[in-house]
Amino acid sequence: MQIQDVSIKDSEIRLGQFIKLANFVETGGLAKEVIANGAVTVNGEIDTRRGKVLRPGDEVGLIDPASEEMLAVARVVNAGEQPLDDDDDLGEYFDESTADDDFDPEKWRNM
């Protein structure tokens, strides 16, 4: 099974938040239920703590409790560790107050 790298902005993330970010579940309520049922592993061990702190390098798996088959695996990585996917996503900051392009917002406001 291929491990999916999921980047986080901070240096850590809670388990419940991470399984939503990795698209293992759609809602926080479902995340709570899945974790409580023992269907989530952290670094190969079942973990039922929704508030478990994950750091870059940790691997999280989703298992089927009935068959104990691994359904998905994701690795926590820092956003800075992943290469940029395209040229448009350079992490640049645009500040409208310092832009010097003669754009008049009043001209376009009510179009």
PDB file of N, CA and C in Angstrom:
ATOM      1  N   MET A   1       0.841  -1.177   0.000  1.00  0.00           N
ATOM      2  CA  MET A   1       0.000   0.000   0.000  1.00  0.00           C
ATOM      3  C   MET A   1       0.889   1.245   0.000  1.00  0.00           C
ATOM      4  N   GLN A   2       0.522   2.212  -0.806  1.00  0.00           N
ATOM      5  CA  GLN A   2       1.294   3.445  -0.924  1.00  0.00           C
ATOM      6  C   GLN A   2       0.966   4.383   0.234  1.00  0.00           C
ATOM      7  N   ILE A   3       1.999   4.995   0.784  1.00  0.00           N
ATOM      8  CA  ILE A   3       1.826   5.941   1.881  1.00  0.00           C
ATOM      9  C   ILE A   3       1.657   7.339   1.299  1.00  0.00           C
ATOM     10  N   GLN A   4       0.581   7.998   1.705  1.00  0.00           N
ATOM     11  CA  GLN A   4       0.275   9.352   1.245  1.00  0.00           C
ATOM     12  C   GLN A   4       0.940  10.350   2.190  1.00  0.00           C
ATOM     13  N   ASP A   5       1.706  11.301   1.655  1.00  0.00           N
ATOM     14  CA  ASP A   5       2.295  12.364   2.467  1.00  0.00           C
ATOM     15  C   ASP A   5       1.283  13.493   2.608  1.00  0.00           C
ATOM     16  N   VAL A   6       0.975  13.872   3.848  1.00  0.00           N
ATOM     17  CA  VAL A   6       0.022  14.943   4.123  1.00  0.00           C
ATOM     18  C   VAL A   6       0.762  16.039   4.876  1.00  0.00           C
ATOM     19  N   SER A   7       0.828  17.228   4.278  1.00  0.00           N
ATOM     20  CA  SER A   7       1.590  18.313   4.897  1.00  0.00           C
ATOM     21  C   SER A   7       0.737  19.077   5.900  1.00  0.00           C
ATOM     22  N   ILE A   8       1.401  19.519   6.955  1.00  0.00           N
ATOM     23  CA  ILE A   8       0.758  20.339   7.976  1.00  0.00           C
ATOM     24  C   ILE A   8       1.511  21.660   8.064  1.00  0.00           C
ATOM     25  N   LYS A   9       0.820  22.713   8.452  1.00  0.00           N
ATOM     26  CA  LYS A   9       1.436  24.042   8.512  1.00  0.00           C
ATOM     27  C   LYS A   9       2.278  24.226   9.769  1.00  0.00           C
ATOM     28  N   ASP A  10       1.823  23.661  10.881  1.00  0.00           N
ATOM     29  CA  ASP A  10       2.526  23.821  12.150  1.00  0.00           C
ATOM     30  C   ASP A  10       3.463  22.642  12.380  1.00  0.00           C
ATOM     31  N   SER A  11       4.093  22.614  13.538  1.00  0.00           N
ATOM     32  CA  SER A  11       5.028  21.535  13.848  1.00  0.00           C
ATOM     33  C   SER A  11       4.322  20.310  14.406  1.00  0.00           C
ATOM     34  N   GLU A  12       3.031  20.440  14.724  1.00  0.00           N
ATOM     35  CA  GLU A  12       2.281  19.307  15.250  1.00  0.00           C
ATOM     36  C   GLU A  12       0.807  19.452  14.915  1.00  0.00           C
ATOM     37  N   ILE A  13       0.074  18.323  15.012  1.00  0.00           N
ATOM     38  CA  ILE A  13      -1.360  18.298  14.740  1.00  0.00           C
ATOM     39  C   ILE A  13      -1.968  17.181  15.573  1.00  0.00           C
ATOM     40  N   ARG A  14      -3.199  17.339  15.970  1.00  0.00           N
ATOM     41  CA  ARG A  14      -3.884  16.308  16.753  1.00  0.00           C
ATOM     42  C   ARG A  14      -4.413  15.221  15.814  1.00  0.00           C
ATOM     43  N   LEU A  15      -4.512  14.016  16.353  1.00  0.00           N
ATOM     44  CA  LEU A  15      -4.907  12.857  15.548  1.00  0.00           C
ATOM     45  C   LEU A  15      -6.264  13.059  14.877  1.00  0.00           C
ATOM     46  N   GLY A  16      -7.251  13.546  15.621  1.00  0.00           N
ATOM     47  CA  GLY A  16      -8.579  13.765  15.052  1.00  0.00           C
ATOM     48  C   GLY A  16      -8.561  14.735  13.885  1.00  0.00           C
ATOM     49  N   GLN A  17      -7.774  15.794  14.006  1.00  0.00           N
ATOM     50  CA  GLN A  17      -7.653  16.772  12.925  1.00  0.00           C
ATOM     51  C   GLN A  17      -6.933  16.163  11.726  1.00  0.00           C
ATOM     52  N   PHE A  18      -5.914  15.360  12.006  1.00  0.00           N
ATOM     53  CA  PHE A  18      -5.116  14.805  10.915  1.00  0.00           C
ATOM     54  C   PHE A  18      -5.912  13.826  10.060  1.00  0.00           C
ATOM     55  N   ILE A  19      -6.732  12.972  10.685  1.00  0.00           N
ATOM     56  CA  ILE A  19      -7.457  12.008   9.846  1.00  0.00           C
ATOM     57  C   ILE A  19      -8.519  12.696   8.992  1.00  0.00           C
ATOM     58  N   LYS A  20      -8.976  13.883   9.424  1.00  0.00           N
ATOM     59  CA  LYS A  20      -9.851  14.674   8.552  1.00  0.00           C
ATOM     60  C   LYS A  20      -9.039  15.288   7.417  1.00  0.00           C
ATOM     61  N   LEU A  21      -7.871  15.832   7.744  1.00  0.00           N
ATOM     62  CA  LEU A  21      -7.010  16.450   6.737  1.00  0.00           C
ATOM     63  C   LEU A  21      -6.563  15.437   5.687  1.00  0.00           C
ATOM     64  N   ALA A  22      -6.312  14.207   6.112  1.00  0.00           N
ATOM     65  CA  ALA A  22      -5.872  13.152   5.199  1.00  0.00           C
ATOM     66  C   ALA A  22      -7.040  12.529   4.435  1.00  0.00           C
ATOM     67  N   ASN A  23      -8.249  13.024   4.670  1.00  0.00           N
ATOM     68  CA  ASN A  23      -9.471  12.534   4.017  1.00  0.00           C
ATOM     69  C   ASN A  23      -9.783  11.084   4.352  1.00  0.00           C
ATOM     70  N   PHE A  24      -9.423  10.647   5.565  1.00  0.00           N
ATOM     71  CA  PHE A  24      -9.836   9.322   6.032  1.00  0.00           C
ATOM     72  C   PHE A  24     -11.309   9.365   6.422  1.00  0.00           C
ATOM     73  N   VAL A  25     -11.749  10.508   6.969  1.00  0.00           N
ATOM     74  CA  VAL A  25     -13.140  10.728   7.370  1.00  0.00           C
ATOM     75  C   VAL A  25     -13.537  12.136   6.941  1.00  0.00           C
ATOM     76  N   GLU A  26     -14.853  12.387   6.930  1.00  0.00           N
ATOM     77  CA  GLU A  26     -15.334  13.687   6.469  1.00  0.00           C
ATOM     78  C   GLU A  26     -15.623  14.676   7.595  1.00  0.00           C
ATOM     79  N   THR A  27     -15.988  14.175   8.778  1.00  0.00           N
ATOM     80  CA  THR A  27     -16.382  15.078   9.858  1.00  0.00           C
ATOM     81  C   THR A  27     -15.627  14.767  11.145  1.00  0.00           C
ATOM     82  N   GLY A  28     -15.642  15.731  12.053  1.00  0.00           N
ATOM     83  CA  GLY A  28     -15.017  15.532  13.350  1.00  0.00           C
ATOM     84  C   GLY A  28     -15.734  14.481  14.180  1.00  0.00           C
ATOM     85  N   GLY A  29     -17.051  14.418  14.060  1.00  0.00           N
ATOM     86  CA  GLY A  29     -17.820  13.403  14.781  1.00  0.00           C
ATOM     87  C   GLY A  29     -17.466  12.004  14.329  1.00  0.00           C
ATOM     88  N   LEU A  30     -17.308  11.853  13.028  1.00  0.00           N
ATOM     89  CA  LEU A  30     -16.917  10.551  12.487  1.00  0.00           C
ATOM     90  C   LEU A  30     -15.481  10.215  12.887  1.00  0.00           C
ATOM     91  N   ALA A  31     -14.625  11.223  12.937  1.00  0.00           N
ATOM     92  CA  ALA A  31     -13.240  11.006  13.375  1.00  0.00           C
ATOM     93  C   ALA A  31     -13.225  10.495  14.807  1.00  0.00           C
ATOM     94  N   LYS A  32     -14.023  11.110  15.663  1.00  0.00           N
ATOM     95  CA  LYS A  32     -14.101  10.695  17.064  1.00  0.00           C
ATOM     96  C   LYS A  32     -14.554   9.239  17.175  1.00  0.00           C
ATOM     97  N   GLU A  33     -15.565   8.877  16.400  1.00  0.00           N
ATOM     98  CA  GLU A  33     -16.108   7.516  16.435  1.00  0.00           C
ATOM     99  C   GLU A  33     -15.099   6.485  15.929  1.00  0.00           C
ATOM    100  N   VAL A  34     -14.449   6.783  14.810  1.00  0.00           N
ATOM    101  CA  VAL A  34     -13.486   5.852  14.212  1.00  0.00           C
ATOM    102  C   VAL A  34     -12.304   5.621  15.153  1.00  0.00           C
ATOM    103  N   ILE A  35     -11.815   6.707  15.762  1.00  0.00           N
ATOM    104  CA  ILE A  35     -10.681   6.586  16.685  1.00  0.00           C
ATOM    105  C   ILE A  35     -11.091   5.785  17.921  1.00  0.00           C
ATOM    106  N   ALA A  36     -12.270   6.075  18.478  1.00  0.00           N
ATOM    107  CA  ALA A  36     -12.746   5.374  19.674  1.00  0.00           C
ATOM    108  C   ALA A  36     -12.957   3.885  19.419  1.00  0.00           C
ATOM    109  N   ASN A  37     -13.305   3.524  18.184  1.00  0.00           N
ATOM    110  CA  ASN A  37     -13.527   2.114  17.836  1.00  0.00           C
ATOM    111  C   ASN A  37     -12.233   1.359  17.572  1.00  0.00           C
ATOM    112  N   GLY A  38     -11.090   2.025  17.678  1.00  0.00           N
ATOM    113  CA  GLY A  38      -9.808   1.350  17.487  1.00  0.00           C
ATOM    114  C   GLY A  38      -9.474   1.073  16.040  1.00  0.00           C
ATOM    115  N   ALA A  39      -9.976   1.912  15.138  1.00  0.00           N
ATOM    116  CA  ALA A  39      -9.731   1.707  13.711  1.00  0.00           C
ATOM    117  C   ALA A  39      -8.591   2.569  13.185  1.00  0.00           C
ATOM    118  N   VAL A  40      -7.843   3.223  14.084  1.00  0.00           N
ATOM    119  CA  VAL A  40      -6.751   4.101  13.666  1.00  0.00           C
ATOM    120  C   VAL A  40      -5.461   3.662  14.352  1.00  0.00           C
ATOM    121  N   THR A  41      -4.395   3.576  13.555  1.00  0.00           N
ATOM    122  CA  THR A  41      -3.082   3.247  14.114  1.00  0.00           C
ATOM    123  C   THR A  41      -2.161   4.451  13.977  1.00  0.00           C
ATOM    124  N   VAL A  42      -1.258   4.587  14.935  1.00  0.00           N
ATOM    125  CA  VAL A  42      -0.214   5.606  14.877  1.00  0.00           C
ATOM    126  C   VAL A  42       1.110   4.869  15.006  1.00  0.00           C
ATOM    127  N   ASN A  43       1.912   4.952  13.959  1.00  0.00           N
ATOM    128  CA  ASN A  43       3.202   4.259  13.909  1.00  0.00           C
ATOM    129  C   ASN A  43       3.050   2.761  14.196  1.00  0.00           C
ATOM    130  N   GLY A  44       1.986   2.165  13.637  1.00  0.00           N
ATOM    131  CA  GLY A  44       1.781   0.726  13.731  1.00  0.00           C
ATOM    132  C   GLY A  44       1.032   0.243  14.955  1.00  0.00           C
ATOM    133  N   GLU A  45       0.718   1.125  15.893  1.00  0.00           N
ATOM    134  CA  GLU A  45       0.014   0.758  17.122  1.00  0.00           C
ATOM    135  C   GLU A  45      -1.366   1.409  17.141  1.00  0.00           C
ATOM    136  N   ILE A  46      -2.398   0.645  17.529  1.00  0.00           N
ATOM    137  CA  ILE A  46      -3.742   1.206  17.637  1.00  0.00           C
ATOM    138  C   ILE A  46      -3.741   2.282  18.718  1.00  0.00           C
ATOM    139  N   ASP A  47      -4.331   3.426  18.395  1.00  0.00           N
ATOM    140  CA  ASP A  47      -4.391   4.537  19.340  1.00  0.00           C
ATOM    141  C   ASP A  47      -5.816   5.063  19.386  1.00  0.00           C
ATOM    142  N   THR A  48      -6.381   5.167  20.581  1.00  0.00           N
ATOM    143  CA  THR A  48      -7.763   5.627  20.732  1.00  0.00           C
ATOM    144  C   THR A  48      -7.841   7.029  21.329  1.00  0.00           C
ATOM    145  N   ARG A  49      -6.744   7.764  21.293  1.00  0.00           N
ATOM    146  CA  ARG A  49      -6.719   9.129  21.830  1.00  0.00           C
ATOM    147  C   ARG A  49      -6.865  10.137  20.689  1.00  0.00           C
ATOM    148  N   ARG A  50      -8.019  10.756  20.606  1.00  0.00           N
ATOM    149  CA  ARG A  50      -8.278  11.723  19.538  1.00  0.00           C
ATOM    150  C   ARG A  50      -7.343  12.922  19.628  1.00  0.00           C
ATOM    151  N   GLY A  51      -6.911  13.264  20.831  1.00  0.00           N
ATOM    152  CA  GLY A  51      -6.026  14.404  21.036  1.00  0.00           C
ATOM    153  C   GLY A  51      -4.548  14.070  20.958  1.00  0.00           C
ATOM    154  N   LYS A  52      -4.217  12.858  20.559  1.00  0.00           N
ATOM    155  CA  LYS A  52      -2.813  12.443  20.425  1.00  0.00           C
ATOM    156  C   LYS A  52      -2.101  13.418  19.501  1.00  0.00           C
ATOM    157  N   VAL A  53      -0.950  13.921  19.937  1.00  0.00           N
ATOM    158  CA  VAL A  53      -0.192  14.894  19.154  1.00  0.00           C
ATOM    159  C   VAL A  53       0.700  14.159  18.158  1.00  0.00           C
ATOM    160  N   LEU A  54       0.567  14.520  16.890  1.00  0.00           N
ATOM    161  CA  LEU A  54       1.385  13.939  15.824  1.00  0.00           C
ATOM    162  C   LEU A  54       2.404  14.965  15.372  1.00  0.00           C
ATOM    163  N   ARG A  55       3.569  14.468  15.014  1.00  0.00           N
ATOM    164  CA  ARG A  55       4.645  15.328  14.519  1.00  0.00           C
ATOM    165  C   ARG A  55       5.136  14.779  13.185  1.00  0.00           C
ATOM    166  N   PRO A  56       5.847  15.593  12.406  1.00  0.00           N
ATOM    167  CA  PRO A  56       6.360  15.105  11.120  1.00  0.00           C
ATOM    168  C   PRO A  56       7.123  13.788  11.282  1.00  0.00           C
ATOM    169  N   GLY A  57       6.810  12.867  10.379  1.00  0.00           N
ATOM    170  CA  GLY A  57       7.418  11.543  10.412  1.00  0.00           C
ATOM    171  C   GLY A  57       6.484  10.477  10.946  1.00  0.00           C
ATOM    172  N   ASP A  58       5.457  10.870  11.706  1.00  0.00           N
ATOM    173  CA  ASP A  58       4.495   9.900  12.222  1.00  0.00           C
ATOM    174  C   ASP A  58       3.646   9.355  11.075  1.00  0.00           C
ATOM    175  N   GLU A  59       3.333   8.058  11.145  1.00  0.00           N
ATOM    176  CA  GLU A  59       2.484   7.418  10.140  1.00  0.00           C
ATOM    177  C   GLU A  59       1.167   7.013  10.780  1.00  0.00           C
ATOM    178  N   VAL A  60       0.075   7.372  10.122  1.00  0.00           N
ATOM    179  CA  VAL A  60      -1.264   7.094  10.618  1.00  0.00           C
ATOM    180  C   VAL A  60      -1.953   6.170   9.630  1.00  0.00           C
ATOM    181  N   GLY A  61      -2.558   5.108  10.155  1.00  0.00           N
ATOM    182  CA  GLY A  61      -3.249   4.151   9.305  1.00  0.00           C
ATOM    183  C   GLY A  61      -4.705   4.018   9.692  1.00  0.00           C
ATOM    184  N   LEU A  62      -5.535   3.691   8.722  1.00  0.00           N
ATOM    185  CA  LEU A  62      -6.949   3.420   8.951  1.00  0.00           C
ATOM    186  C   LEU A  62      -7.163   1.946   8.659  1.00  0.00           C
ATOM    187  N   ILE A  63      -7.687   1.212   9.648  1.00  0.00           N
ATOM    188  CA  ILE A  63      -7.887  -0.221   9.467  1.00  0.00           C
ATOM    189  C   ILE A  63      -9.361  -0.570   9.580  1.00  0.00           C
ATOM    190  N   ASP A  64      -9.724  -1.705   8.996  1.00  0.00           N
ATOM    191  CA  ASP A  64     -11.060  -2.265   9.140  1.00  0.00           C
ATOM    192  C   ASP A  64     -11.019  -3.133  10.392  1.00  0.00           C
ATOM    193  N   PRO A  65     -11.728  -2.748  11.461  1.00  0.00           N
ATOM    194  CA  PRO A  65     -11.644  -3.503  12.712  1.00  0.00           C
ATOM    195  C   PRO A  65     -12.085  -4.964  12.574  1.00  0.00           C
ATOM    196  N   ALA A  66     -13.010  -5.244  11.661  1.00  0.00           N
ATOM    197  CA  ALA A  66     -13.503  -6.611  11.499  1.00  0.00           C
ATOM    198  C   ALA A  66     -12.449  -7.523  10.886  1.00  0.00           C
ATOM    199  N   SER A  67     -11.807  -7.063   9.818  1.00  0.00           N
ATOM    200  CA  SER A  67     -10.836  -7.910   9.119  1.00  0.00           C
ATOM    201  C   SER A  67      -9.391  -7.555   9.460  1.00  0.00           C
ATOM    202  N   GLU A  68      -9.192  -6.431  10.170  1.00  0.00           N
ATOM    203  CA  GLU A  68      -7.859  -5.912  10.502  1.00  0.00           C
ATOM    204  C   GLU A  68      -7.029  -5.608   9.253  1.00  0.00           C
ATOM    205  N   GLU A  69      -7.714  -5.360   8.141  1.00  0.00           N
ATOM    206  CA  GLU A  69      -7.050  -4.998   6.886  1.00  0.00           C
ATOM    207  C   GLU A  69      -6.776  -3.493   6.877  1.00  0.00           C
ATOM    208  N   MET A  70      -5.575  -3.108   6.447  1.00  0.00           N
ATOM    209  CA  MET A  70      -5.200  -1.695   6.364  1.00  0.00           C
ATOM    210  C   MET A  70      -5.891  -1.082   5.146  1.00  0.00           C
ATOM    211  N   LEU A  71      -6.677  -0.025   5.373  1.00  0.00           N
ATOM    212  CA  LEU A  71      -7.421   0.621   4.294  1.00  0.00           C
ATOM    213  C   LEU A  71      -6.663   1.804   3.695  1.00  0.00           C
ATOM    214  N   ALA A  72      -5.942   2.550   4.526  1.00  0.00           N
ATOM    215  CA  ALA A  72      -5.202   3.725   4.054  1.00  0.00           C
ATOM    216  C   ALA A  72      -4.095   4.052   5.046  1.00  0.00           C
ATOM    217  N   VAL A  73      -3.020   4.665   4.527  1.00  0.00           N
ATOM    218  CA  VAL A  73      -1.903   5.089   5.370  1.00  0.00           C
ATOM    219  C   VAL A  73      -1.462   6.477   4.922  1.00  0.00           C
ATOM    220  N   ALA A  74      -1.191   7.346   5.889  1.00  0.00           N
ATOM    221  CA  ALA A  74      -0.712   8.696   5.588  1.00  0.00           C
ATOM    222  C   ALA A  74       0.426   9.042   6.538  1.00  0.00           C
ATOM    223  N   ARG A  75       1.373   9.818   6.033  1.00  0.00           N
ATOM    224  CA  ARG A  75       2.527  10.256   6.822  1.00  0.00           C
ATOM    225  C   ARG A  75       2.432  11.763   7.033  1.00  0.00           C
ATOM    226  N   VAL A  76       2.721  12.195   8.247  1.00  0.00           N
ATOM    227  CA  VAL A  76       2.731  13.620   8.583  1.00  0.00           C
ATOM    228  C   VAL A  76       4.040  14.220   8.091  1.00  0.00           C
ATOM    229  N   VAL A  77       3.955  15.293   7.299  1.00  0.00           N
ATOM    230  CA  VAL A  77       5.155  16.002   6.848  1.00  0.00           C
ATOM    231  C   VAL A  77       4.932  17.499   7.030  1.00  0.00           C
ATOM    232  N   ASN A  78       6.012  18.225   7.257  1.00  0.00           N
ATOM    233  CA  ASN A  78       5.945  19.685   7.332  1.00  0.00           C
ATOM    234  C   ASN A  78       5.676  20.240   5.949  1.00  0.00           C
ATOM    235  N   ALA A  79       4.924  21.321   5.869  1.00  0.00           N
ATOM    236  CA  ALA A  79       4.621  21.937   4.578  1.00  0.00           C
ATOM    237  C   ALA A  79       5.896  22.304   3.841  1.00  0.00           C
ATOM    238  N   GLY A  80       6.948  22.674   4.548  1.00  0.00           N
ATOM    239  CA  GLY A  80       8.208  23.057   3.928  1.00  0.00           C
ATOM    240  C   GLY A  80       8.982  21.890   3.355  1.00  0.00           C
ATOM    241  N   GLU A  81       8.640  20.658   3.720  1.00  0.00           N
ATOM    242  CA  GLU A  81       9.368  19.491   3.242  1.00  0.00           C
ATOM    243  C   GLU A  81       8.929  19.038   1.860  1.00  0.00           C
ATOM    244  N   GLN A  82       7.708  19.402   1.455  1.00  0.00           N
ATOM    245  CA  GLN A  82       7.201  18.946   0.172  1.00  0.00           C
ATOM    246  C   GLN A  82       7.581  19.930  -0.921  1.00  0.00           C
ATOM    247  N   PRO A  83       7.957  19.421  -2.105  1.00  0.00           N
ATOM    248  CA  PRO A  83       8.227  20.322  -3.222  1.00  0.00           C
ATOM    249  C   PRO A  83       6.932  20.973  -3.692  1.00  0.00           C
ATOM    250  N   LEU A  84       7.056  22.164  -4.239  1.00  0.00           N
ATOM    251  CA  LEU A  84       5.885  22.853  -4.756  1.00  0.00           C
ATOM    252  C   LEU A  84       5.369  22.137  -5.991  1.00  0.00           C
ATOM    253  N   ASP A  85       4.043  22.015  -6.085  1.00  0.00           N
ATOM    254  CA  ASP A  85       3.443  21.259  -7.173  1.00  0.00           C
ATOM    255  C   ASP A  85       3.422  22.020  -8.487  1.00  0.00           C
ATOM    256  N   ASP A  86       3.242  23.319  -8.436  1.00  0.00           N
ATOM    257  CA  ASP A  86       3.204  24.078  -9.677  1.00  0.00           C
ATOM    258  C   ASP A  86       3.816  25.459  -9.460  1.00  0.00           C
ATOM    259  N   ASP A  87       4.039  26.145 -10.555  1.00  0.00           N
ATOM    260  CA  ASP A  87       4.703  27.440 -10.488  1.00  0.00           C
ATOM    261  C   ASP A  87       3.843  28.522  -9.841  1.00  0.00           C
ATOM    262  N   ASP A  88       2.518  28.335  -9.838  1.00  0.00           N
ATOM    263  CA  ASP A  88       1.635  29.341  -9.273  1.00  0.00           C
ATOM    264  C   ASP A  88       1.626  29.316  -7.749  1.00  0.00           C
ATOM    265  N   ASP A  89       2.036  28.217  -7.146  1.00  0.00           N
ATOM    266  CA  ASP A  89       1.987  28.069  -5.697  1.00  0.00           C
ATOM    267  C   ASP A  89       3.375  28.279  -5.105  1.00  0.00           C
ATOM    268  N   LEU A  90       3.837  29.508  -5.147  1.00  0.00           N
ATOM    269  CA  LEU A  90       5.187  29.803  -4.686  1.00  0.00           C
ATOM    270  C   LEU A  90       5.223  30.305  -3.251  1.00  0.00           C
ATOM    271  N   GLY A  91       4.067  30.352  -2.603  1.00  0.00           N
ATOM    272  CA  GLY A  91       4.030  30.823  -1.236  1.00  0.00           C
ATOM    273  C   GLY A  91       4.278  32.315  -1.121  1.00  0.00           C
ATOM    274  N   GLU A  92       4.099  33.041  -2.200  1.00  0.00           N
ATOM    275  CA  GLU A  92       4.332  34.473  -2.179  1.00  0.00           C
ATOM    276  C   GLU A  92       3.184  35.177  -1.465  1.00  0.00           C
ATOM    277  N   TYR A  93       3.481  36.311  -0.890  1.00  0.00           N
ATOM    278  CA  TYR A  93       2.478  37.093  -0.183  1.00  0.00           C
ATOM    279  C   TYR A  93       2.166  38.341  -0.998  1.00  0.00           C
ATOM    280  N   PHE A  94       0.886  38.561  -1.284  1.00  0.00           N
ATOM    281  CA  PHE A  94       0.474  39.745  -2.019  1.00  0.00           C
ATOM    282  C   PHE A  94      -0.180  40.710  -1.049  1.00  0.00           C
ATOM    283  N   ASP A  95       0.346  41.899  -0.979  1.00  0.00           N
ATOM    284  CA  ASP A  95      -0.194  42.929  -0.103  1.00  0.00           C
ATOM    285  C   ASP A  95      -0.764  44.039  -0.977  1.00  0.00           C
ATOM    286  N   GLU A  96      -2.091  44.155  -0.988  1.00  0.00           N
ATOM    287  CA  GLU A  96      -2.750  45.117  -1.871  1.00  0.00           C
ATOM    288  C   GLU A  96      -2.329  46.551  -1.571  1.00  0.00           C
ATOM    289  N   SER A  97      -2.032  46.838  -0.312  1.00  0.00           N
ATOM    290  CA  SER A  97      -1.682  48.216   0.038  1.00  0.00           C
ATOM    291  C   SER A  97      -0.327  48.633  -0.524  1.00  0.00           C
ATOM    292  N   THR A  98       0.529  47.690  -0.864  1.00  0.00           N
ATOM    293  CA  THR A  98       1.841  48.042  -1.410  1.00  0.00           C
ATOM    294  C   THR A  98       1.944  47.771  -2.908  1.00  0.00           C
ATOM    295  N   ALA A  99       0.877  47.263  -3.501  1.00  0.00           N
ATOM    296  CA  ALA A  99       0.908  46.982  -4.936  1.00  0.00           C
ATOM    297  C   ALA A  99       0.925  48.304  -5.704  1.00  0.00           C
ATOM    298  N   ASP A 100       1.722  48.372  -6.743  1.00  0.00           N
ATOM    299  CA  ASP A 100       1.852  49.593  -7.528  1.00  0.00           C
ATOM    300  C   ASP A 100       1.527  49.265  -8.983  1.00  0.00           C
ATOM    301  N   ASP A 101       0.222  49.096  -9.266  1.00  0.00           N
ATOM    302  CA  ASP A 101      -0.158  48.728 -10.626  1.00  0.00           C
ATOM    303  C   ASP A 101      -1.260  49.632 -11.181  1.00  0.00           C
ATOM    304  N   ASP A 102      -1.520  50.779 -10.536  1.00  0.00           N
ATOM    305  CA  ASP A 102      -2.530  51.747 -10.964  1.00  0.00           C
ATOM    306  C   ASP A 102      -3.935  51.155 -11.021  1.00  0.00           C
ATOM    307  N   PHE A 103      -4.210  50.136 -10.230  1.00  0.00           N
ATOM    308  CA  PHE A 103      -5.537  49.537 -10.181  1.00  0.00           C
ATOM    309  C   PHE A 103      -6.449  50.405  -9.329  1.00  0.00           C
ATOM    310  N   ASP A 104      -7.618  50.754  -9.867  1.00  0.00           N
ATOM    311  CA  ASP A 104      -8.579  51.569  -9.139  1.00  0.00           C
ATOM    312  C   ASP A 104      -9.758  50.688  -8.723  1.00  0.00           C
ATOM    313  N   PRO A 105      -9.842  50.293  -7.446  1.00  0.00           N
ATOM    314  CA  PRO A 105     -10.917  49.401  -7.025  1.00  0.00           C
ATOM    315  C   PRO A 105     -12.301  50.024  -7.172  1.00  0.00           C
ATOM    316  N   GLU A 106     -12.418  51.346  -7.061  1.00  0.00           N
ATOM    317  CA  GLU A 106     -13.717  52.000  -7.204  1.00  0.00           C
ATOM    318  C   GLU A 106     -14.273  51.831  -8.615  1.00  0.00           C
ATOM    319  N   LYS A 107     -13.418  51.778  -9.584  1.00  0.00           N
ATOM    320  CA  LYS A 107     -13.845  51.619 -10.972  1.00  0.00           C
ATOM    321  C   LYS A 107     -14.520  50.263 -11.182  1.00  0.00           C
ATOM    322  N   TRP A 108     -14.074  49.241 -10.468  1.00  0.00           N
ATOM    323  CA  TRP A 108     -14.572  47.887 -10.673  1.00  0.00           C
ATOM    324  C   TRP A 108     -15.547  47.426  -9.595  1.00  0.00           C
ATOM    325  N   ARG A 109     -15.788  48.226  -8.579  1.00  0.00           N
ATOM    326  CA  ARG A 109     -16.570  47.798  -7.422  1.00  0.00           C
ATOM    327  C   ARG A 109     -17.990  47.350  -7.773  1.00  0.00           C
ATOM    328  N   ASN A 110     -18.707  48.067  -8.603  1.00  0.00           N
ATOM    329  CA  ASN A 110     -20.112  47.757  -8.873  1.00  0.00           C
ATOM    330  C   ASN A 110     -20.353  47.225 -10.280  1.00  0.00           C
ATOM    331  N   MET A 111     -19.455  46.506 -10.806  1.00  0.00           N
ATOM    332  CA  MET A 111     -19.622  45.981 -12.166  1.00  0.00           C
ATOM    333  C   MET A 111     -20.582  44.829 -12.181  1.00  0.00           C
TER     334      MET A 111
END
